[in-house]
Structures are given as C-alpha cells and as structure tokens.
C-alpha cells in the first residue's frame, strides 16, 4: 500500500510559503504561455493542480484535518459534505464539476470515437482551448473565494481580521 503524502504547510521556520508563491507564479505564467501556443492539455493539467491545491488548503483550514493530495472527486464530495458557503458550493458543485467533466474528455478521450459522433482533431483542439481558458478563469474564482473564506476563519482567532473583513466586504 502506498504511503499517504502530506501537504507541506508554511510555518515561521520554513520557506514553504515562498516556494509555493514561486510555483504558483510559474504555473500562471506557463498556463498563459501554453494556451497562447496551443498546448491546451498542458494548461488544463496545471489548472487542475492549482484548483486541487487551493481546495486542499481550504478544507484543511475548515476541518482542521489533513486533505492532502486528493482528487477533484474527493474534494467535491468534501465540499458537498462540509461547506456552508453558497458561493464556494456553487463554484465547486456547479462550475468545477462541469469543467471536470470537460477536462476528463480533453485528457482521456482525444483519440476515442463515440459511435454516431464524429469530431475531428481541429474541433477537438478548439474544444480543449475553451476548456483551458475556462479552467484558468475557474482557478482565479476558486482562489479568490477560498482566500476570502480563510480570512473569515482566521478572524475568529484574531480580532484585527474583523476590521479587515468588514472593510473587504464593504469594498
């Protein structure tokens, strides 16, 4: 049986936060380049990694238990079970689930032919372009919403966050 892996967590005595920032920055740049150069499957793969990392981080904060290296399906079920924020639920259970299905087709069915349905290579690549572009938008939406929710969770522990949160919500 494979040993379970645990997500690295930023602390005051390590550089995980800086390392994660650099990886995210590079991933965002690479996604942009991949889409502009027609490497849609590469962009889609990186988008999934970013989305799962954001959701794993958020669910770990929310539940106080480790949600490391989970699949989109596992994370979807966890959000469905534990999340009460309607905006995040809608993002994950609606938009992300729709994107996940399109991602599965892009990643696993590029050369498969469905009986009675003919889609050529150029059309498949156009579909993948849309999946990659929509995935990039979804990464940003999920990132924004999980960051806001983590701020809300932190405010319970640090009163200064009450002021900051009120300011952000009124903005």
Protein backbone atom coordinates (compact mmCIF):
# COMPACT_ATOMS: atom_id res chain seq x y z
CA UNK A 1 0.00 0.00 0.00
CA UNK A 2 1.30 3.44 -0.91
CA UNK A 3 2.36 5.71 1.91
CA UNK A 4 0.00 8.69 2.24
CA UNK A 5 1.58 12.01 1.46
CA UNK A 6 1.04 15.19 3.44
CA UNK A 7 0.82 18.71 2.01
CA UNK A 8 3.67 21.00 3.15
CA UNK A 9 2.47 23.79 5.43
CA UNK A 10 4.01 27.23 5.77
CA UNK A 11 5.48 27.98 9.19
CA UNK A 12 7.73 30.71 10.56
CA UNK A 13 10.75 28.41 10.34
CA UNK A 14 10.45 27.19 6.74
CA UNK A 15 10.19 28.72 3.28
CA UNK A 16 7.14 26.78 2.07
CA UNK A 17 5.14 29.99 1.58
CA UNK A 18 7.81 31.48 -0.68
CA UNK A 19 8.26 28.20 -2.55
CA UNK A 20 4.51 27.90 -3.11
CA UNK A 21 4.34 31.52 -4.30
CA UNK A 22 7.12 30.87 -6.83
CA UNK A 23 5.45 27.67 -8.06
CA UNK A 24 2.10 29.43 -8.42
CA UNK A 25 3.68 32.35 -10.27
CA UNK A 26 5.47 29.97 -12.64
CA UNK A 27 2.29 27.91 -13.15
CA UNK A 28 0.23 31.00 -14.01
CA UNK A 29 2.88 32.13 -16.49
CA UNK A 30 3.13 28.65 -18.01
CA UNK A 31 -0.65 28.33 -18.36
CA UNK A 32 -0.78 31.66 -20.18
CA UNK A 33 2.05 30.58 -22.48
CA UNK A 34 0.55 27.10 -23.03
CA UNK A 35 -2.83 28.50 -24.04
CA UNK A 36 -1.31 31.10 -26.35
CA UNK A 37 0.85 28.44 -28.04
CA UNK A 38 -1.91 25.83 -28.34
CA UNK A 39 -0.73 23.43 -25.62
CA UNK A 40 -4.17 23.18 -24.05
CA UNK A 41 -3.76 19.83 -22.29
CA UNK A 42 -0.70 21.17 -20.51
CA UNK A 43 -2.66 24.21 -19.33
CA UNK A 44 -5.58 22.03 -18.21
CA UNK A 45 -3.25 19.80 -16.19
CA UNK A 46 -1.70 22.77 -14.38
CA UNK A 47 -5.13 24.29 -13.74
CA UNK A 48 -6.28 21.10 -12.06
CA UNK A 49 -3.18 21.11 -9.87
CA UNK A 50 -3.81 24.71 -8.80
CA UNK A 51 -7.51 24.07 -8.13
CA UNK A 52 -6.87 20.95 -6.05
CA UNK A 53 -4.12 22.70 -4.08
CA UNK A 54 -6.43 25.62 -3.23
CA UNK A 55 -9.28 23.32 -2.19
CA UNK A 56 -6.97 21.06 -0.15
CA UNK A 57 -5.61 24.09 1.67
CA UNK A 58 -9.07 25.49 2.35
CA UNK A 59 -10.56 22.19 3.52
CA UNK A 60 -7.60 21.66 5.85
CA UNK A 61 -8.30 25.10 7.37
CA UNK A 62 -12.04 24.45 7.54
CA UNK A 63 -11.93 20.98 9.08
CA UNK A 64 -8.65 21.13 10.97
CA UNK A 65 -7.70 17.82 9.37
CA UNK A 66 -5.38 16.97 6.52
CA UNK A 67 -6.80 16.98 2.96
CA UNK A 68 -3.54 16.31 1.11
CA UNK A 69 -3.19 15.06 -2.46
CA UNK A 70 -6.88 14.44 -3.14
CA UNK A 71 -8.64 14.06 -6.46
CA UNK A 72 -11.18 16.58 -7.72
CA UNK A 73 -13.88 14.00 -6.99
CA UNK A 74 -12.73 13.61 -3.36
CA UNK A 75 -12.61 17.38 -2.91
CA UNK A 76 -16.03 17.82 -4.49
CA UNK A 77 -17.52 15.31 -2.04
CA UNK A 78 -15.81 17.05 0.89
CA UNK A 79 -17.18 20.46 -0.16
CA UNK A 80 -20.62 18.90 -0.61
CA UNK A 81 -20.42 17.44 2.91
CA UNK A 82 -18.78 20.23 4.93
CA UNK A 83 -19.09 23.56 3.13
CA UNK A 84 -21.85 26.02 4.02
CA UNK A 85 -20.72 28.99 1.89
CA UNK A 86 -23.12 29.09 -1.07
CA UNK A 87 -20.65 30.83 -3.39
CA UNK A 88 -17.98 28.15 -2.95
CA UNK A 89 -20.54 25.36 -3.10
CA UNK A 90 -21.83 26.74 -6.41
CA UNK A 91 -18.30 27.09 -7.78
CA UNK A 92 -17.29 23.54 -6.84
CA UNK A 93 -20.55 21.64 -7.27
CA UNK A 94 -21.56 23.52 -10.41
CA UNK A 95 -18.81 25.20 -12.42
CA UNK A 96 -15.93 22.99 -11.29
CA UNK A 97 -17.88 19.78 -11.74
CA UNK A 98 -18.87 20.85 -15.27
CA UNK A 99 -15.23 21.77 -16.02
CA UNK A 100 -14.03 18.47 -14.50
CA UNK A 101 -16.19 16.52 -16.95
CA UNK A 102 -14.86 18.56 -19.89
CA UNK A 103 -11.31 18.10 -18.55
CA UNK A 104 -11.85 14.33 -18.44
CA UNK A 105 -12.87 14.34 -22.08
CA UNK A 106 -9.90 16.50 -23.05
CA UNK A 107 -7.39 14.40 -21.14
CA UNK A 108 -8.74 10.90 -21.71
CA UNK A 109 -10.71 10.93 -24.96
CA UNK A 110 -8.62 12.81 -27.52
CA UNK A 111 -8.46 9.84 -29.90
CA UNK A 112 -11.60 7.96 -28.88
CA UNK A 113 -14.53 7.97 -31.29
CA UNK A 114 -18.05 7.76 -29.95
CA UNK A 115 -20.44 5.73 -32.09
CA UNK A 116 -22.54 8.03 -34.25
CA UNK A 117 -20.49 11.10 -33.36
CA UNK A 118 -17.55 12.32 -35.42
CA UNK A 119 -15.34 15.10 -34.12
CA UNK A 120 -12.10 15.81 -35.96
CA UNK A 121 -8.74 16.84 -34.50
CA UNK A 122 -9.16 20.56 -35.17
CA UNK A 123 -12.57 20.63 -33.49
CA UNK A 124 -11.23 18.68 -30.52
CA UNK A 125 -8.42 21.19 -30.15
CA UNK A 126 -10.91 24.09 -30.29
CA UNK A 127 -12.92 22.41 -27.52
CA UNK A 128 -9.73 21.95 -25.48
CA UNK A 129 -8.90 25.63 -25.94
CA UNK A 130 -12.25 26.55 -24.39
CA UNK A 131 -11.70 24.06 -21.54
CA UNK A 132 -8.25 25.54 -20.87
CA UNK A 133 -9.50 29.14 -20.96
CA UNK A 134 -12.49 28.38 -18.73
CA UNK A 135 -10.25 26.44 -16.35
CA UNK A 136 -7.98 29.45 -15.96
CA UNK A 137 -10.95 31.63 -15.05
CA UNK A 138 -12.12 28.98 -12.58
CA UNK A 139 -8.69 28.82 -10.91
CA UNK A 140 -8.96 32.55 -10.19
CA UNK A 141 -12.54 32.31 -8.89
CA UNK A 142 -11.76 29.43 -6.55
CA UNK A 143 -8.55 31.11 -5.38
CA UNK A 144 -10.43 34.34 -4.57
CA UNK A 145 -13.27 32.61 -2.74
CA UNK A 146 -11.09 30.27 -0.68
CA UNK A 147 -8.82 33.16 0.34
CA UNK A 148 -11.85 35.14 1.50
CA UNK A 149 -13.18 32.18 3.47
CA UNK A 150 -9.80 31.55 5.10
CA UNK A 151 -9.79 35.22 6.16
CA UNK A 152 -13.18 34.64 7.76
CA UNK A 153 -11.87 31.57 9.58
CA UNK A 154 -8.80 33.48 10.75
CA UNK A 155 -10.94 36.35 12.06
CA UNK A 156 -12.34 34.05 14.72
CA UNK A 157 -8.81 33.76 16.13
CA UNK A 158 -7.56 37.32 15.52
CA UNK A 159 -9.85 40.31 16.22
CA UNK A 160 -7.96 42.57 13.78
CA UNK A 161 -9.38 40.44 10.97
CA UNK A 162 -12.89 41.64 11.93
CA UNK A 163 -11.92 45.14 10.84
CA UNK A 164 -10.19 43.94 7.66
CA UNK A 165 -13.02 41.63 6.74
CA UNK A 166 -15.65 44.33 7.21
CA UNK A 167 -13.58 46.63 5.02
CA UNK A 168 -13.23 43.99 2.28
CA UNK A 169 -16.91 43.05 2.35
CA UNK A 170 -17.96 46.72 2.14
CA UNK A 171 -15.49 47.44 -0.67
